[in-house]
PDB file of N, CA and C in Angstrom:
ATOM      1  N   MET A   1      68.228  76.091  29.343  1.00  0.00           N
ATOM      2  CA  MET A   1      67.829  74.698  29.308  1.00  0.00           C
ATOM      3  C   MET A   1      66.387  74.565  29.793  1.00  0.00           C
ATOM      4  N   LYS A   2      65.638  73.745  29.102  1.00  0.00           N
ATOM      5  CA  LYS A   2      64.252  73.487  29.490  1.00  0.00           C
ATOM      6  C   LYS A   2      64.077  72.000  29.748  1.00  0.00           C
ATOM      7  N   TRP A   3      63.102  71.699  30.596  1.00  0.00           N
ATOM      8  CA  TRP A   3      62.782  70.324  30.926  1.00  0.00           C
ATOM      9  C   TRP A   3      61.306  70.089  30.687  1.00  0.00           C
ATOM     10  N   VAL A   4      60.996  68.924  30.136  1.00  0.00           N
ATOM     11  CA  VAL A   4      59.616  68.487  29.951  1.00  0.00           C
ATOM     12  C   VAL A   4      59.423  67.264  30.835  1.00  0.00           C
ATOM     13  N   ARG A   5      58.470  67.351  31.727  1.00  0.00           N
ATOM     14  CA  ARG A   5      58.146  66.222  32.601  1.00  0.00           C
ATOM     15  C   ARG A   5      56.761  65.717  32.209  1.00  0.00           C
ATOM     16  N   VAL A   6      56.676  64.434  31.895  1.00  0.00           N
ATOM     17  CA  VAL A   6      55.405  63.827  31.510  1.00  0.00           C
ATOM     18  C   VAL A   6      55.031  62.802  32.581  1.00  0.00           C
ATOM     19  N   CYS A   7      53.912  63.018  33.232  1.00  0.00           N
ATOM     20  CA  CYS A   7      53.468  62.118  34.292  1.00  0.00           C
ATOM     21  C   CYS A   7      53.283  60.706  33.741  1.00  0.00           C
ATOM     22  N   GLN A   8      53.819  59.730  34.468  1.00  0.00           N
ATOM     23  CA  GLN A   8      53.667  58.332  34.090  1.00  0.00           C
ATOM     24  C   GLN A   8      53.015  57.534  35.214  1.00  0.00           C
ATOM     25  N   ASN A   9      52.294  58.216  36.085  1.00  0.00           N
ATOM     26  CA  ASN A   9      51.587  57.529  37.155  1.00  0.00           C
ATOM     27  C   ASN A   9      50.366  56.810  36.573  1.00  0.00           C
ATOM     28  N   ARG A  10      49.739  56.003  37.367  1.00  0.00           N
ATOM     29  CA  ARG A  10      48.680  55.101  36.909  1.00  0.00           C
ATOM     30  C   ARG A  10      47.571  55.794  36.118  1.00  0.00           C
ATOM     31  N   THR A  11      47.000  56.867  36.639  1.00  0.00           N
ATOM     32  CA  THR A  11      45.877  57.521  35.962  1.00  0.00           C
ATOM     33  C   THR A  11      46.304  58.109  34.627  1.00  0.00           C
ATOM     34  N   CYS A  12      47.427  58.808  34.595  1.00  0.00           N
ATOM     35  CA  CYS A  12      47.897  59.396  33.338  1.00  0.00           C
ATOM     36  C   CYS A  12      48.253  58.312  32.320  1.00  0.00           C
ATOM     37  N   LYS A  13      48.838  57.207  32.789  1.00  0.00           N
ATOM     38  CA  LYS A  13      49.154  56.108  31.871  1.00  0.00           C
ATOM     39  C   LYS A  13      47.891  55.569  31.217  1.00  0.00           C
ATOM     40  N   LYS A  14      46.835  55.426  32.001  1.00  0.00           N
ATOM     41  CA  LYS A  14      45.560  54.942  31.453  1.00  0.00           C
ATOM     42  C   LYS A  14      45.010  55.902  30.409  1.00  0.00           C
ATOM     43  N   GLN A  15      45.401  57.173  30.500  1.00  0.00           N
ATOM     44  CA  GLN A  15      44.905  58.191  29.578  1.00  0.00           C
ATOM     45  C   GLN A  15      45.865  58.438  28.415  1.00  0.00           C
ATOM     46  N   GLY A  16      46.900  57.610  28.274  1.00  0.00           N
ATOM     47  CA  GLY A  16      47.772  57.704  27.107  1.00  0.00           C
ATOM     48  C   GLY A  16      49.111  58.379  27.308  1.00  0.00           C
ATOM     49  N   ALA A  17      49.566  58.506  28.548  1.00  0.00           N
ATOM     50  CA  ALA A  17      50.807  59.238  28.827  1.00  0.00           C
ATOM     51  C   ALA A  17      52.056  58.592  28.234  1.00  0.00           C
ATOM     52  N   VAL A  18      52.053  57.278  28.063  1.00  0.00           N
ATOM     53  CA  VAL A  18      53.223  56.611  27.484  1.00  0.00           C
ATOM     54  C   VAL A  18      53.453  57.117  26.059  1.00  0.00           C
ATOM     55  N   LYS A  19      52.387  57.246  25.292  1.00  0.00           N
ATOM     56  CA  LYS A  19      52.502  57.748  23.918  1.00  0.00           C
ATOM     57  C   LYS A  19      52.868  59.229  23.891  1.00  0.00           C
ATOM     58  N   VAL A  20      52.391  59.986  24.863  1.00  0.00           N
ATOM     59  CA  VAL A  20      52.738  61.410  24.943  1.00  0.00           C
ATOM     60  C   VAL A  20      54.231  61.564  25.228  1.00  0.00           C
ATOM     61  N   LEU A  21      54.755  60.790  26.154  1.00  0.00           N
ATOM     62  CA  LEU A  21      56.187  60.826  26.463  1.00  0.00           C
ATOM     63  C   LEU A  21      57.006  60.470  25.228  1.00  0.00           C
ATOM     64  N   ALA A  22      56.612  59.426  24.521  1.00  0.00           N
ATOM     65  CA  ALA A  22      57.320  59.027  23.300  1.00  0.00           C
ATOM     66  C   ALA A  22      57.269  60.129  22.250  1.00  0.00           C
ATOM     67  N   ALA A  23      56.137  60.804  22.131  1.00  0.00           N
ATOM     68  CA  ALA A  23      56.010  61.887  21.150  1.00  0.00           C
ATOM     69  C   ALA A  23      56.932  63.049  21.488  1.00  0.00           C
ATOM     70  N   PHE A  24      57.041  63.409  22.760  1.00  0.00           N
ATOM     71  CA  PHE A  24      57.971  64.472  23.145  1.00  0.00           C
ATOM     72  C   PHE A  24      59.405  64.064  22.854  1.00  0.00           C
ATOM     73  N   LYS A  25      59.765  62.841  23.169  1.00  0.00           N
ATOM     74  CA  LYS A  25      61.135  62.379  22.919  1.00  0.00           C
ATOM     75  C   LYS A  25      61.461  62.392  21.435  1.00  0.00           C
ATOM     76  N   ALA A  26      60.466  62.172  20.592  1.00  0.00           N
ATOM     77  CA  ALA A  26      60.680  62.149  19.145  1.00  0.00           C
ATOM     78  C   ALA A  26      60.695  63.541  18.526  1.00  0.00           C
ATOM     79  N   ASN A  27      60.271  64.561  19.261  1.00  0.00           N
ATOM     80  CA  ASN A  27      60.099  65.893  18.683  1.00  0.00           C
ATOM     81  C   ASN A  27      60.979  66.985  19.263  1.00  0.00           C
ATOM     82  N   VAL A  28      61.915  66.667  20.139  1.00  0.00           N
ATOM     83  CA  VAL A  28      62.738  67.716  20.737  1.00  0.00           C
ATOM     84  C   VAL A  28      64.212  67.538  20.391  1.00  0.00           C
ATOM     85  N   VAL A  29      64.986  68.580  20.686  1.00  0.00           N
ATOM     86  CA  VAL A  29      66.424  68.558  20.417  1.00  0.00           C
ATOM     87  C   VAL A  29      67.191  68.611  21.732  1.00  0.00           C
ATOM     88  N   SER A  30      68.495  68.688  21.629  1.00  0.00           N
ATOM     89  CA  SER A  30      69.360  68.543  22.796  1.00  0.00           C
ATOM     90  C   SER A  30      69.182  69.624  23.858  1.00  0.00           C
ATOM     91  N   GLU A  31      68.662  70.786  23.514  1.00  0.00           N
ATOM     92  CA  GLU A  31      68.493  71.848  24.509  1.00  0.00           C
ATOM     93  C   GLU A  31      67.329  71.588  25.460  1.00  0.00           C
ATOM     94  N   VAL A  32      66.552  70.554  25.178  1.00  0.00           N
ATOM     95  CA  VAL A  32      65.383  70.222  25.990  1.00  0.00           C
ATOM     96  C   VAL A  32      65.546  68.796  26.511  1.00  0.00           C
ATOM     97  N   THR A  33      65.365  68.629  27.813  1.00  0.00           N
ATOM     98  CA  THR A  33      65.433  67.304  28.418  1.00  0.00           C
ATOM     99  C   THR A  33      64.017  66.820  28.689  1.00  0.00           C
ATOM    100  N   VAL A  34      63.688  65.656  28.155  1.00  0.00           N
ATOM    101  CA  VAL A  34      62.368  65.064  28.340  1.00  0.00           C
ATOM    102  C   VAL A  34      62.507  63.881  29.290  1.00  0.00           C
ATOM    103  N   THR A  35      61.706  63.888  30.352  1.00  0.00           N
ATOM    104  CA  THR A  35      61.751  62.792  31.315  1.00  0.00           C
ATOM    105  C   THR A  35      60.347  62.399  31.743  1.00  0.00           C
ATOM    106  N   SER A  36      60.250  61.176  32.230  1.00  0.00           N
ATOM    107  CA  SER A  36      58.997  60.752  32.847  1.00  0.00           C
ATOM    108  C   SER A  36      58.957  61.312  34.258  1.00  0.00           C
ATOM    109  N   SER A  37      57.773  61.387  34.802  1.00  0.00           N
ATOM    110  CA  SER A  37      57.591  61.933  36.141  1.00  0.00           C
ATOM    111  C   SER A  37      56.642  61.038  36.914  1.00  0.00           C
ATOM    112  N   SER A  38      56.799  61.036  38.211  1.00  0.00           N
ATOM    113  CA  SER A  38      55.787  60.404  39.047  1.00  0.00           C
ATOM    114  C   SER A  38      54.576  61.339  39.070  1.00  0.00           C
ATOM    115  N   CYS A  39      53.610  61.040  39.886  1.00  0.00           N
ATOM    116  CA  CYS A  39      52.372  61.814  39.911  1.00  0.00           C
ATOM    117  C   CYS A  39      52.640  63.307  40.096  1.00  0.00           C
ATOM    118  N   LEU A  40      52.009  64.108  39.258  1.00  0.00           N
ATOM    119  CA  LEU A  40      52.130  65.564  39.331  1.00  0.00           C
ATOM    120  C   LEU A  40      50.967  66.189  40.107  1.00  0.00           C
ATOM    121  N   GLY A  41      50.130  65.351  40.703  1.00  0.00           N
ATOM    122  CA  GLY A  41      49.054  65.847  41.553  1.00  0.00           C
ATOM    123  C   GLY A  41      47.868  66.426  40.810  1.00  0.00           C
ATOM    124  N   GLN A  42      47.701  66.034  39.558  1.00  0.00           N
ATOM    125  CA  GLN A  42      46.590  66.556  38.758  1.00  0.00           C
ATOM    126  C   GLN A  42      45.750  65.413  38.187  1.00  0.00           C
ATOM    127  N   CYS A  43      45.578  64.362  38.969  1.00  0.00           N
ATOM    128  CA  CYS A  43      44.838  63.186  38.510  1.00  0.00           C
ATOM    129  C   CYS A  43      43.460  63.599  37.986  1.00  0.00           C
ATOM    130  N   GLY A  44      43.075  63.013  36.890  1.00  0.00           N
ATOM    131  CA  GLY A  44      41.814  63.359  36.254  1.00  0.00           C
ATOM    132  C   GLY A  44      41.969  64.374  35.147  1.00  0.00           C
ATOM    133  N   ASN A  45      43.130  65.017  35.066  1.00  0.00           N
ATOM    134  CA  ASN A  45      43.399  66.000  34.017  1.00  0.00           C
ATOM    135  C   ASN A  45      44.447  65.508  33.033  1.00  0.00           C
ATOM    136  N   GLY A  46      44.834  64.264  33.157  1.00  0.00           N
ATOM    137  CA  GLY A  46      45.947  63.739  32.367  1.00  0.00           C
ATOM    138  C   GLY A  46      45.572  63.368  30.961  1.00  0.00           C
ATOM    139  N   PRO A  47      46.615  63.067  30.233  1.00  0.00           N
ATOM    140  CA  PRO A  47      48.017  63.101  30.591  1.00  0.00           C
ATOM    141  C   PRO A  47      48.502  64.527  30.885  1.00  0.00           C
ATOM    142  N   MET A  48      49.263  64.641  31.965  1.00  0.00           N
ATOM    143  CA  MET A  48      49.793  65.935  32.406  1.00  0.00           C
ATOM    144  C   MET A  48      51.238  66.109  31.960  1.00  0.00           C
ATOM    145  N   VAL A  49      51.552  67.343  31.545  1.00  0.00           N
ATOM    146  CA  VAL A  49      52.912  67.704  31.143  1.00  0.00           C
ATOM    147  C   VAL A  49      53.282  68.982  31.886  1.00  0.00           C
ATOM    148  N   LEU A  50      54.487  69.009  32.427  1.00  0.00           N
ATOM    149  CA  LEU A  50      55.000  70.184  33.126  1.00  0.00           C
ATOM    150  C   LEU A  50      56.271  70.637  32.423  1.00  0.00           C
ATOM    151  N   ILE A  51      56.314  71.917  32.032  1.00  0.00           N
ATOM    152  CA  ILE A  51      57.484  72.505  31.383  1.00  0.00           C
ATOM    153  C   ILE A  51      58.221  73.352  32.417  1.00  0.00           C
ATOM    154  N   LEU A  52      59.491  73.065  32.595  1.00  0.00           N
ATOM    155  CA  LEU A  52      60.342  73.802  33.534  1.00  0.00           C
ATOM    156  C   LEU A  52      61.432  74.532  32.772  1.00  0.00           C
ATOM    157  N   PRO A  53      61.929  75.642  33.198  1.00  0.00           N
ATOM    158  CA  PRO A  53      61.742  76.239  34.511  1.00  0.00           C
ATOM    159  C   PRO A  53      60.514  77.140  34.620  1.00  0.00           C
ATOM    160  N   GLU A  54      59.737  77.292  33.561  1.00  0.00           N
ATOM    161  CA  GLU A  54      58.613  78.237  33.569  1.00  0.00           C
ATOM    162  C   GLU A  54      57.433  77.794  34.424  1.00  0.00           C
ATOM    163  N   MET A  55      57.390  76.505  34.782  1.00  0.00           N
ATOM    164  CA  MET A  55      56.265  75.945  35.543  1.00  0.00           C
ATOM    165  C   MET A  55      54.955  76.082  34.765  1.00  0.00           C
ATOM    166  N   VAL A  56      54.988  75.755  33.488  1.00  0.00           N
ATOM    167  CA  VAL A  56      53.794  75.789  32.644  1.00  0.00           C
ATOM    168  C   VAL A  56      53.230  74.375  32.577  1.00  0.00           C
ATOM    169  N   TRP A  57      51.939  74.264  32.847  1.00  0.00           N
ATOM    170  CA  TRP A  57      51.247  72.985  32.861  1.00  0.00           C
ATOM    171  C   TRP A  57      50.410  72.821  31.597  1.00  0.00           C
ATOM    172  N   TYR A  58      50.413  71.619  31.065  1.00  0.00           N
ATOM    173  CA  TYR A  58      49.511  71.245  29.977  1.00  0.00           C
ATOM    174  C   TYR A  58      48.718  70.035  30.453  1.00  0.00           C
ATOM    175  N   SER A  59      47.408  70.079  30.267  1.00  0.00           N
ATOM    176  CA  SER A  59      46.562  68.959  30.680  1.00  0.00           C
ATOM    177  C   SER A  59      45.883  68.342  29.467  1.00  0.00           C
ATOM    178  N   HIS A  60      45.468  67.101  29.635  1.00  0.00           N
ATOM    179  CA  HIS A  60      44.764  66.358  28.581  1.00  0.00           C
ATOM    180  C   HIS A  60      45.570  66.357  27.276  1.00  0.00           C
ATOM    181  N   VAL A  61      46.872  66.200  27.371  1.00  0.00           N
ATOM    182  CA  VAL A  61      47.741  66.256  26.196  1.00  0.00           C
ATOM    183  C   VAL A  61      47.622  64.962  25.401  1.00  0.00           C
ATOM    184  N   SER A  62      47.474  65.096  24.101  1.00  0.00           N
ATOM    185  CA  SER A  62      47.469  63.930  23.213  1.00  0.00           C
ATOM    186  C   SER A  62      48.774  63.915  22.426  1.00  0.00           C
ATOM    187  N   PRO A  63      49.181  62.745  21.936  1.00  0.00           N
ATOM    188  CA  PRO A  63      50.404  62.691  21.130  1.00  0.00           C
ATOM    189  C   PRO A  63      50.337  63.602  19.902  1.00  0.00           C
ATOM    190  N   GLN A  64      49.142  63.798  19.354  1.00  0.00           N
ATOM    191  CA  GLN A  64      48.978  64.643  18.178  1.00  0.00           C
ATOM    192  C   GLN A  64      49.239  66.113  18.491  1.00  0.00           C
ATOM    193  N   GLU A  65      49.065  66.527  19.732  1.00  0.00           N
ATOM    194  CA  GLU A  65      49.285  67.921  20.129  1.00  0.00           C
ATOM    195  C   GLU A  65      50.746  68.240  20.431  1.00  0.00           C
ATOM    196  N   VAL A  66      51.549  67.221  20.650  1.00  0.00           N
ATOM    197  CA  VAL A  66      52.938  67.428  21.068  1.00  0.00           C
ATOM    198  C   VAL A  66      53.739  68.281  20.087  1.00  0.00           C
ATOM    199  N   PRO A  67      53.695  68.033  18.768  1.00  0.00           N
ATOM    200  CA  PRO A  67      54.483  68.888  17.866  1.00  0.00           C
ATOM    201  C   PRO A  67      54.135  70.372  17.981  1.00  0.00           C
ATOM    202  N   LEU A  68      52.877  70.704  18.203  1.00  0.00           N
ATOM    203  CA  LEU A  68      52.478  72.104  18.360  1.00  0.00           C
ATOM    204  C   LEU A  68      53.023  72.689  19.664  1.00  0.00           C
ATOM    205  N   VAL A  69      52.961  71.928  20.747  1.00  0.00           N
ATOM    206  CA  VAL A  69      53.523  72.389  22.026  1.00  0.00           C
ATOM    207  C   VAL A  69      55.019  72.624  21.874  1.00  0.00           C
ATOM    208  N   VAL A  70      55.699  71.697  21.225  1.00  0.00           N
ATOM    209  CA  VAL A  70      57.147  71.831  21.019  1.00  0.00           C
ATOM    210  C   VAL A  70      57.445  73.069  20.188  1.00  0.00           C
ATOM    211  N   LYS A  71      56.715  73.248  19.099  1.00  0.00           N
ATOM    212  CA  LYS A  71      56.971  74.387  18.209  1.00  0.00           C
ATOM    213  C   LYS A  71      56.691  75.718  18.907  1.00  0.00           C
ATOM    214  N   GLN A  72      55.546  75.833  19.558  1.00  0.00           N
ATOM    215  CA  GLN A  72      55.151  77.110  20.143  1.00  0.00           C
ATOM    216  C   GLN A  72      55.826  77.404  21.475  1.00  0.00           C
ATOM    217  N   HIS A  73      55.983  76.396  22.304  1.00  0.00           N
ATOM    218  CA  HIS A  73      56.500  76.660  23.651  1.00  0.00           C
ATOM    219  C   HIS A  73      58.003  76.433  23.755  1.00  0.00           C
ATOM    220  N   LEU A  74      58.468  75.311  23.288  1.00  0.00           N
ATOM    221  CA  LEU A  74      59.879  74.986  23.499  1.00  0.00           C
ATOM    222  C   LEU A  74      60.800  75.700  22.523  1.00  0.00           C
ATOM    223  N   TYR A  75      60.342  75.941  21.306  1.00  0.00           N
ATOM    224  CA  TYR A  75      61.178  76.641  20.332  1.00  0.00           C
ATOM    225  C   TYR A  75      60.804  78.108  20.203  1.00  0.00           C
ATOM    226  N   GLY A  76      59.507  78.414  20.312  1.00  0.00           N
ATOM    227  CA  GLY A  76      59.056  79.780  20.097  1.00  0.00           C
ATOM    228  C   GLY A  76      58.854  80.574  21.368  1.00  0.00           C
ATOM    229  N   ASP A  77      58.988  79.921  22.520  1.00  0.00           N
ATOM    230  CA  ASP A  77      58.808  80.569  23.820  1.00  0.00           C
ATOM    231  C   ASP A  77      57.447  81.233  23.968  1.00  0.00           C
ATOM    232  N   GLU A  78      56.427  80.645  23.364  1.00  0.00           N
ATOM    233  CA  GLU A  78      55.059  81.136  23.540  1.00  0.00           C
ATOM    234  C   GLU A  78      54.356  80.234  24.539  1.00  0.00           C
ATOM    235  N   TYR A  79      53.698  80.823  25.478  1.00  0.00           N
ATOM    236  CA  TYR A  79      52.875  80.059  26.411  1.00  0.00           C
ATOM    237  C   TYR A  79      51.933  80.973  27.135  1.00  0.00           C
TER     238      TYR A  79
END
């Protein structure tokens, strides 16, 4: 099981995190749980995404990049 945490704190929201969260929810299947997160401590690098259990961080994520992250990391285990 994998988890995707998308920061929804103030700075990340201003940088488009709401759309990033929606894009992840639209692009994953049942083996992956997508949730919002409070601040991930990387303000200024957002929108921030954390993939667990691997502890892989993605910064400056745009909604357009989400399908590639899902394909390569969540389905293909590349990171």
